[in-house]
Amino acid sequence: MEAYTEAQMLIRKPVRDVFEAMIDPQRTTQFWFTKSSGQLQAGQTVTWHWEMYGVSAEVFVVAITDNQSIVFDWGQPKRRVVFSYEPLTDDTTYVTVRETGYTETGDDLLAAVRDSTGGFTTVLDGMKCFLEHGISLNLVADKFAKGE
């Protein structure tokens, strides 16, 4: 059985708005990373920066299906992330994030899955707040406020 991370959230906005919030870095920077080298496009690599932590990630966009999914690879070793979008009504979208490709074992695997689950949950929480209420809560910036 392959290990994976999964997080999900109902966002009370049309699927197009929720989907575009991940494609357009001007919106994504309101709830996840602080800077991006560009908009997500299939077959392209972008760099995401978390300036408050002094880290960045190379993100290769594997596939984009409008209003349905965004698939990318990132990290070393590479992990696959799939954002899936399901419109439940005209004004609500259920977002699921799933990450696979873990090579760790034992306690290291448990720690990696725990960290990714918490991270993607924080991203979805921030996305919900930003899209539904127009508020940037700084959740990602404040997650490791003690420098952990």
N, C-alpha and C. Protein backbone atom coordinates (compact mmCIF):
# COMPACT_ATOMS: atom_id res chain seq x y z
N MET A 1 0.85 -1.18 0.00
CA MET A 1 0.00 0.00 0.00
C MET A 1 0.89 1.24 0.00
N GLU A 2 0.61 2.15 -0.91
CA GLU A 2 1.39 3.37 -1.03
C GLU A 2 0.94 4.41 0.00
N ALA A 3 1.91 5.03 0.66
CA ALA A 3 1.61 6.10 1.62
C ALA A 3 1.21 7.35 0.85
N TYR A 4 0.30 8.12 1.41
CA TYR A 4 -0.11 9.37 0.79
C TYR A 4 -0.61 10.32 1.87
N THR A 5 -0.63 11.59 1.49
CA THR A 5 -1.20 12.66 2.30
C THR A 5 -2.48 13.09 1.62
N GLU A 6 -3.50 13.42 2.41
CA GLU A 6 -4.73 13.94 1.82
C GLU A 6 -5.35 14.96 2.75
N ALA A 7 -5.79 16.07 2.16
CA ALA A 7 -6.51 17.11 2.88
C ALA A 7 -7.64 17.57 1.97
N GLN A 8 -8.72 18.04 2.56
CA GLN A 8 -9.86 18.47 1.78
C GLN A 8 -10.62 19.59 2.48
N MET A 9 -11.36 20.37 1.66
CA MET A 9 -12.11 21.50 2.22
C MET A 9 -13.22 21.90 1.27
N LEU A 10 -14.38 22.23 1.81
CA LEU A 10 -15.46 22.84 1.05
C LEU A 10 -15.20 24.34 1.03
N ILE A 11 -15.22 24.92 -0.17
CA ILE A 11 -15.06 26.36 -0.31
C ILE A 11 -16.31 26.89 -0.99
N ARG A 12 -16.92 27.86 -0.37
CA ARG A 12 -18.19 28.40 -0.84
C ARG A 12 -17.99 29.47 -1.91
N LYS A 13 -17.44 29.00 -3.03
CA LYS A 13 -17.22 29.82 -4.22
C LYS A 13 -17.35 28.91 -5.44
N PRO A 14 -17.69 29.49 -6.60
CA PRO A 14 -17.76 28.68 -7.82
C PRO A 14 -16.42 28.03 -8.15
N VAL A 15 -16.48 26.88 -8.79
CA VAL A 15 -15.27 26.12 -9.09
C VAL A 15 -14.25 26.96 -9.87
N ARG A 16 -14.68 27.78 -10.78
CA ARG A 16 -13.75 28.60 -11.58
C ARG A 16 -12.90 29.50 -10.68
N ASP A 17 -13.54 30.13 -9.70
CA ASP A 17 -12.82 31.02 -8.78
C ASP A 17 -11.80 30.25 -7.94
N VAL A 18 -12.19 29.08 -7.47
CA VAL A 18 -11.31 28.28 -6.62
C VAL A 18 -10.14 27.72 -7.43
N PHE A 19 -10.43 27.23 -8.62
CA PHE A 19 -9.39 26.71 -9.51
C PHE A 19 -8.39 27.80 -9.87
N GLU A 20 -8.86 28.96 -10.27
CA GLU A 20 -8.00 30.07 -10.68
C GLU A 20 -7.13 30.58 -9.52
N ALA A 21 -7.58 30.41 -8.29
CA ALA A 21 -6.80 30.85 -7.13
C ALA A 21 -5.49 30.08 -7.02
N MET A 22 -5.42 28.87 -7.58
CA MET A 22 -4.17 28.11 -7.58
C MET A 22 -3.34 28.36 -8.83
N ILE A 23 -3.96 28.74 -9.91
CA ILE A 23 -3.25 28.99 -11.17
C ILE A 23 -2.54 30.35 -11.12
N ASP A 24 -3.23 31.34 -10.58
CA ASP A 24 -2.76 32.73 -10.60
C ASP A 24 -1.98 33.06 -9.33
N PRO A 25 -0.66 33.27 -9.44
CA PRO A 25 0.13 33.52 -8.23
C PRO A 25 -0.25 34.81 -7.49
N GLN A 26 -0.88 35.76 -8.18
CA GLN A 26 -1.34 36.97 -7.48
C GLN A 26 -2.37 36.61 -6.41
N ARG A 27 -3.13 35.56 -6.65
CA ARG A 27 -4.11 35.09 -5.66
C ARG A 27 -3.48 34.10 -4.69
N THR A 28 -2.67 33.18 -5.23
CA THR A 28 -2.08 32.14 -4.37
C THR A 28 -1.19 32.74 -3.29
N THR A 29 -0.52 33.84 -3.60
CA THR A 29 0.34 34.47 -2.60
C THR A 29 -0.45 35.05 -1.44
N GLN A 30 -1.74 35.11 -1.55
CA GLN A 30 -2.57 35.60 -0.45
C GLN A 30 -2.79 34.52 0.63
N PHE A 31 -2.49 33.26 0.29
CA PHE A 31 -2.74 32.20 1.27
C PHE A 31 -1.68 31.09 1.31
N TRP A 32 -0.66 31.12 0.43
CA TRP A 32 0.32 30.03 0.47
C TRP A 32 1.75 30.56 0.42
N PHE A 33 2.35 30.64 -0.74
CA PHE A 33 3.72 31.12 -0.86
C PHE A 33 3.72 32.64 -1.03
N THR A 34 4.91 33.26 -0.91
CA THR A 34 4.98 34.72 -0.99
C THR A 34 5.34 35.24 -2.36
N LYS A 35 5.95 34.41 -3.20
CA LYS A 35 6.37 34.85 -4.53
C LYS A 35 6.46 33.65 -5.46
N SER A 36 6.17 33.89 -6.75
CA SER A 36 6.24 32.84 -7.75
C SER A 36 6.90 33.38 -9.01
N SER A 37 7.60 32.52 -9.73
CA SER A 37 8.22 32.94 -10.99
C SER A 37 7.21 33.00 -12.13
N GLY A 38 5.97 32.57 -11.90
CA GLY A 38 4.97 32.64 -12.96
C GLY A 38 3.71 31.89 -12.65
N GLN A 39 2.79 32.01 -13.57
CA GLN A 39 1.50 31.33 -13.48
C GLN A 39 1.69 29.85 -13.82
N LEU A 40 0.85 28.99 -13.26
CA LEU A 40 0.96 27.56 -13.55
C LEU A 40 0.49 27.27 -14.98
N GLN A 41 1.32 26.53 -15.71
CA GLN A 41 1.01 26.08 -17.07
C GLN A 41 1.55 24.67 -17.23
N ALA A 42 0.77 23.80 -17.83
CA ALA A 42 1.20 22.42 -18.04
C ALA A 42 2.51 22.38 -18.82
N GLY A 43 3.42 21.53 -18.36
CA GLY A 43 4.71 21.36 -19.01
C GLY A 43 5.75 22.39 -18.63
N GLN A 44 5.41 23.30 -17.74
CA GLN A 44 6.33 24.36 -17.33
C GLN A 44 6.77 24.16 -15.87
N THR A 45 7.93 24.72 -15.54
CA THR A 45 8.44 24.72 -14.17
C THR A 45 8.36 26.15 -13.64
N VAL A 46 7.85 26.28 -12.42
CA VAL A 46 7.85 27.57 -11.73
C VAL A 46 8.58 27.39 -10.41
N THR A 47 9.01 28.49 -9.84
CA THR A 47 9.64 28.46 -8.52
C THR A 47 8.75 29.22 -7.56
N TRP A 48 8.40 28.57 -6.49
CA TRP A 48 7.64 29.21 -5.43
C TRP A 48 8.58 29.55 -4.28
N HIS A 49 8.39 30.73 -3.68
CA HIS A 49 9.24 31.19 -2.59
C HIS A 49 8.39 31.44 -1.34
N TRP A 50 8.93 31.06 -0.21
CA TRP A 50 8.39 31.40 1.09
C TRP A 50 9.46 32.28 1.73
N GLU A 51 9.37 33.57 1.44
CA GLU A 51 10.45 34.50 1.83
C GLU A 51 10.64 34.57 3.34
N MET A 52 9.58 34.41 4.11
CA MET A 52 9.69 34.49 5.57
C MET A 52 10.54 33.35 6.14
N TYR A 53 10.68 32.25 5.38
CA TYR A 53 11.48 31.12 5.84
C TYR A 53 12.79 30.98 5.05
N GLY A 54 12.96 31.80 4.00
CA GLY A 54 14.16 31.70 3.18
C GLY A 54 14.25 30.41 2.39
N VAL A 55 13.11 29.86 1.96
CA VAL A 55 13.10 28.62 1.20
C VAL A 55 12.30 28.80 -0.09
N SER A 56 12.59 27.91 -1.04
CA SER A 56 11.85 27.91 -2.29
C SER A 56 11.70 26.48 -2.77
N ALA A 57 10.81 26.29 -3.75
CA ALA A 57 10.58 24.96 -4.32
C ALA A 57 10.40 25.08 -5.82
N GLU A 58 11.06 24.18 -6.55
CA GLU A 58 10.84 24.06 -7.98
C GLU A 58 9.61 23.17 -8.17
N VAL A 59 8.67 23.66 -8.97
CA VAL A 59 7.40 22.97 -9.18
C VAL A 59 7.23 22.72 -10.67
N PHE A 60 7.20 21.44 -11.07
CA PHE A 60 6.96 21.09 -12.47
C PHE A 60 5.49 20.74 -12.63
N VAL A 61 4.80 21.49 -13.48
CA VAL A 61 3.37 21.28 -13.69
C VAL A 61 3.18 20.16 -14.72
N VAL A 62 2.69 19.03 -14.26
CA VAL A 62 2.50 17.86 -15.10
C VAL A 62 1.27 18.02 -15.99
N ALA A 63 0.15 18.43 -15.40
CA ALA A 63 -1.09 18.53 -16.15
C ALA A 63 -2.04 19.50 -15.47
N ILE A 64 -2.85 20.15 -16.30
CA ILE A 64 -3.93 21.00 -15.80
C ILE A 64 -5.17 20.68 -16.62
N THR A 65 -6.24 20.36 -15.92
CA THR A 65 -7.54 20.17 -16.56
C THR A 65 -8.45 21.24 -15.98
N ASP A 66 -8.84 22.20 -16.83
CA ASP A 66 -9.61 23.36 -16.36
C ASP A 66 -10.75 22.98 -15.43
N ASN A 67 -10.75 23.64 -14.28
CA ASN A 67 -11.80 23.50 -13.28
C ASN A 67 -11.94 22.09 -12.70
N GLN A 68 -10.95 21.22 -12.97
CA GLN A 68 -11.02 19.86 -12.44
C GLN A 68 -9.79 19.46 -11.64
N SER A 69 -8.59 19.72 -12.18
CA SER A 69 -7.40 19.27 -11.45
C SER A 69 -6.14 20.02 -11.89
N ILE A 70 -5.21 20.06 -10.96
CA ILE A 70 -3.85 20.56 -11.19
C ILE A 70 -2.91 19.49 -10.63
N VAL A 71 -1.97 19.04 -11.45
CA VAL A 71 -1.04 18.00 -11.05
C VAL A 71 0.37 18.56 -11.17
N PHE A 72 1.15 18.46 -10.09
CA PHE A 72 2.54 18.91 -10.17
C PHE A 72 3.45 18.00 -9.36
N ASP A 73 4.74 18.06 -9.72
CA ASP A 73 5.79 17.34 -9.00
C ASP A 73 6.68 18.37 -8.34
N TRP A 74 7.16 18.04 -7.14
CA TRP A 74 8.07 18.93 -6.44
C TRP A 74 8.86 18.15 -5.42
N GLY A 75 9.90 18.79 -4.88
CA GLY A 75 10.69 18.21 -3.80
C GLY A 75 11.76 17.24 -4.29
N GLN A 76 12.60 16.85 -3.33
CA GLN A 76 13.65 15.85 -3.54
C GLN A 76 13.59 14.86 -2.40
N PRO A 77 13.28 13.61 -2.63
CA PRO A 77 12.89 13.07 -3.92
C PRO A 77 11.53 13.62 -4.36
N LYS A 78 11.25 13.53 -5.65
CA LYS A 78 10.03 14.09 -6.21
C LYS A 78 8.79 13.46 -5.61
N ARG A 79 7.85 14.33 -5.29
CA ARG A 79 6.52 13.87 -4.87
C ARG A 79 5.50 14.45 -5.83
N ARG A 80 4.43 13.72 -6.04
CA ARG A 80 3.35 14.14 -6.93
C ARG A 80 2.21 14.71 -6.07
N VAL A 81 1.74 15.90 -6.47
CA VAL A 81 0.62 16.55 -5.77
C VAL A 81 -0.50 16.74 -6.78
N VAL A 82 -1.71 16.38 -6.36
CA VAL A 82 -2.89 16.56 -7.20
C VAL A 82 -3.92 17.37 -6.41
N PHE A 83 -4.26 18.55 -6.95
CA PHE A 83 -5.37 19.34 -6.45
C PHE A 83 -6.57 18.98 -7.32
N SER A 84 -7.64 18.47 -6.71
CA SER A 84 -8.86 18.11 -7.44
C SER A 84 -9.99 19.03 -7.01
N TYR A 85 -10.80 19.45 -7.98
CA TYR A 85 -11.89 20.40 -7.74
C TYR A 85 -13.20 19.78 -8.17
N GLU A 86 -14.14 19.70 -7.24
CA GLU A 86 -15.45 19.13 -7.53
C GLU A 86 -16.53 20.17 -7.20
N PRO A 87 -17.22 20.67 -8.23
CA PRO A 87 -18.31 21.60 -7.94
C PRO A 87 -19.48 20.82 -7.33
N LEU A 88 -19.91 21.23 -6.14
CA LEU A 88 -21.06 20.57 -5.50
C LEU A 88 -22.36 21.28 -5.88
N THR A 89 -22.27 22.61 -6.01
CA THR A 89 -23.37 23.43 -6.52
C THR A 89 -22.71 24.50 -7.39
N ASP A 90 -23.50 25.42 -7.92
CA ASP A 90 -22.92 26.50 -8.71
C ASP A 90 -22.02 27.39 -7.88
N ASP A 91 -22.21 27.41 -6.56
CA ASP A 91 -21.48 28.31 -5.67
C ASP A 91 -20.64 27.62 -4.61
N THR A 92 -20.42 26.31 -4.74
CA THR A 92 -19.57 25.60 -3.77
C THR A 92 -18.66 24.62 -4.49
N THR A 93 -17.45 24.50 -3.98
CA THR A 93 -16.44 23.62 -4.58
C THR A 93 -15.77 22.82 -3.48
N TYR A 94 -15.65 21.52 -3.70
CA TYR A 94 -14.93 20.66 -2.77
C TYR A 94 -13.54 20.42 -3.33
N VAL A 95 -12.52 20.84 -2.58
CA VAL A 95 -11.13 20.72 -3.02
C VAL A 95 -10.47 19.59 -2.23
N THR A 96 -9.80 18.71 -2.95
CA THR A 96 -9.01 17.64 -2.33
C THR A 96 -7.58 17.76 -2.81
N VAL A 97 -6.64 17.67 -1.88
CA VAL A 97 -5.21 17.68 -2.20
C VAL A 97 -4.65 16.34 -1.78
N ARG A 98 -3.95 15.69 -2.70
CA ARG A 98 -3.35 14.40 -2.40
C ARG A 98 -1.89 14.42 -2.86
N GLU A 99 -1.00 14.02 -1.97
CA GLU A 99 0.43 13.95 -2.28
C GLU A 99 0.90 12.51 -2.16
N THR A 100 1.62 12.02 -3.17
CA THR A 100 2.16 10.67 -3.18
C THR A 100 3.65 10.72 -3.51
N GLY A 101 4.30 9.57 -3.42
CA GLY A 101 5.71 9.48 -3.80
C GLY A 101 6.65 9.45 -2.61
N TYR A 102 6.13 9.12 -1.46
CA TYR A 102 6.98 9.05 -0.27
C TYR A 102 7.95 7.88 -0.37
N THR A 103 9.21 8.14 -0.05
CA THR A 103 10.22 7.08 -0.05
C THR A 103 10.68 6.75 1.37
N GLU A 104 10.26 7.56 2.33
CA GLU A 104 10.65 7.33 3.72
C GLU A 104 9.99 6.06 4.25
N THR A 105 10.51 5.57 5.35
CA THR A 105 9.94 4.40 6.03
C THR A 105 9.87 4.68 7.52
N GLY A 106 9.10 3.88 8.22
CA GLY A 106 9.03 3.94 9.68
C GLY A 106 8.66 5.32 10.21
N ASP A 107 9.37 5.74 11.25
CA ASP A 107 9.10 7.02 11.90
C ASP A 107 9.29 8.20 10.95
N ASP A 108 10.26 8.08 10.03
CA ASP A 108 10.49 9.16 9.06
C ASP A 108 9.28 9.32 8.14
N LEU A 109 8.67 8.21 7.74
CA LEU A 109 7.47 8.27 6.91
C LEU A 109 6.32 8.91 7.68
N LEU A 110 6.13 8.50 8.92
CA LEU A 110 5.05 9.09 9.73
C LEU A 110 5.24 10.60 9.89
N ALA A 111 6.47 11.03 10.12
CA ALA A 111 6.75 12.46 10.27
C ALA A 111 6.48 13.21 8.96
N ALA A 112 6.88 12.65 7.83
CA ALA A 112 6.67 13.30 6.53
C ALA A 112 5.19 13.42 6.21
N VAL A 113 4.43 12.36 6.43
CA VAL A 113 2.99 12.39 6.16
C VAL A 113 2.30 13.38 7.09
N ARG A 114 2.68 13.38 8.34
CA ARG A 114 2.11 14.32 9.31
C ARG A 114 2.39 15.77 8.89
N ASP A 115 3.63 16.06 8.51
CA ASP A 115 4.00 17.42 8.11
C ASP A 115 3.24 17.86 6.86
N SER A 116 3.15 17.00 5.86
CA SER A 116 2.44 17.36 4.64
C SER A 116 0.94 17.51 4.87
N THR A 117 0.36 16.64 5.68
CA THR A 117 -1.06 16.75 5.98
C THR A 117 -1.35 18.09 6.65
N GLY A 118 -0.54 18.44 7.64
CA GLY A 118 -0.71 19.73 8.31
C GLY A 118 -0.51 20.90 7.37
N GLY A 119 0.48 20.80 6.51
CA GLY A 119 0.77 21.88 5.57
C GLY A 119 -0.36 22.10 4.58
N PHE A 120 -0.84 21.03 3.97
CA PHE A 120 -1.92 21.18 2.99
C PHE A 120 -3.24 21.59 3.65
N THR A 121 -3.46 21.15 4.87
CA THR A 121 -4.65 21.60 5.59
C THR A 121 -4.58 23.10 5.84
N THR A 122 -3.42 23.59 6.23
CA THR A 122 -3.23 25.03 6.44
C THR A 122 -3.46 25.80 5.15
N VAL A 123 -2.95 25.30 4.03
CA VAL A 123 -3.15 25.96 2.73
C VAL A 123 -4.64 26.05 2.40
N LEU A 124 -5.35 24.94 2.56
CA LEU A 124 -6.78 24.95 2.24
C LEU A 124 -7.57 25.86 3.18
N ASP A 125 -7.20 25.88 4.45
CA ASP A 125 -7.86 26.80 5.39
C ASP A 125 -7.66 28.25 4.96
N GLY A 126 -6.42 28.59 4.59
CA GLY A 126 -6.13 29.95 4.14
C GLY A 126 -6.84 30.29 2.85
N MET A 127 -6.91 29.34 1.93
CA MET A 127 -7.62 29.53 0.66
C MET A 127 -9.10 29.81 0.92
N LYS A 128 -9.69 29.03 1.80
CA LYS A 128 -11.11 29.21 2.13
C LYS A 128 -11.37 30.61 2.67
N CYS A 129 -10.57 31.03 3.62
CA CYS A 129 -10.76 32.34 4.23
C CYS A 129 -10.58 33.46 3.21
N PHE A 130 -9.53 33.35 2.38
CA PHE A 130 -9.27 34.38 1.38
C PHE A 130 -10.40 34.45 0.35
N LEU A 131 -10.80 33.31 -0.19
CA LEU A 131 -11.81 33.32 -1.24
C LEU A 131 -13.21 33.66 -0.73
N GLU A 132 -13.55 33.17 0.45
CA GLU A 132 -14.90 33.42 0.96
C GLU A 132 -15.04 34.79 1.61
N HIS A 133 -13.97 35.29 2.24
CA HIS A 133 -14.08 36.52 3.04
C HIS A 133 -13.10 37.62 2.65
N GLY A 134 -12.20 37.33 1.70
CA GLY A 134 -11.24 38.34 1.26
C GLY A 134 -10.19 38.69 2.30
N ILE A 135 -9.95 37.77 3.23
CA ILE A 135 -8.99 38.00 4.31
C ILE A 135 -7.78 37.08 4.15
N SER A 136 -6.59 37.65 4.23
CA SER A 136 -5.36 36.86 4.26
C SER A 136 -4.96 36.69 5.73
N LEU A 137 -5.07 35.48 6.21
CA LEU A 137 -4.82 35.21 7.63
C LEU A 137 -3.34 35.01 7.98
N ASN A 138 -2.46 34.93 6.99
CA ASN A 138 -1.04 34.67 7.24
C ASN A 138 -0.81 33.32 7.93
N LEU A 139 -1.65 32.35 7.62
CA LEU A 139 -1.54 31.05 8.28
C LEU A 139 -0.20 30.37 8.02
N VAL A 140 0.25 30.38 6.77
CA VAL A 140 1.52 29.73 6.45
C VAL A 140 2.67 30.47 7.11
N ALA A 141 2.64 31.79 7.06
CA ALA A 141 3.69 32.60 7.68
C ALA A 141 3.76 32.39 9.19
N ASP A 142 2.61 32.20 9.81
CA ASP A 142 2.57 32.07 11.27
C ASP A 142 2.69 30.64 11.76
N LYS A 143 2.68 29.66 10.86
CA LYS A 143 2.72 28.25 11.27
C LYS A 143 4.00 27.92 12.05
N PHE A 144 5.11 28.50 11.63
CA PHE A 144 6.39 28.24 12.29
C PHE A 144 6.95 29.52 12.88
N ALA A 145 6.11 30.25 13.59
CA ALA A 145 6.49 31.55 14.14
C ALA A 145 7.69 31.46 15.10
N LYS A 146 7.90 30.30 15.71
CA LYS A 146 9.03 30.15 16.64
C LYS A 146 10.29 29.69 15.93
N GLY A 147 10.25 29.68 14.59
CA GLY A 147 11.42 29.30 13.81
C GLY A 147 11.70 27.82 13.77
N GLU A 148 10.68 27.02 13.98
CA GLU A 148 10.85 25.56 14.00
C GLU A 148 11.16 25.00 12.65
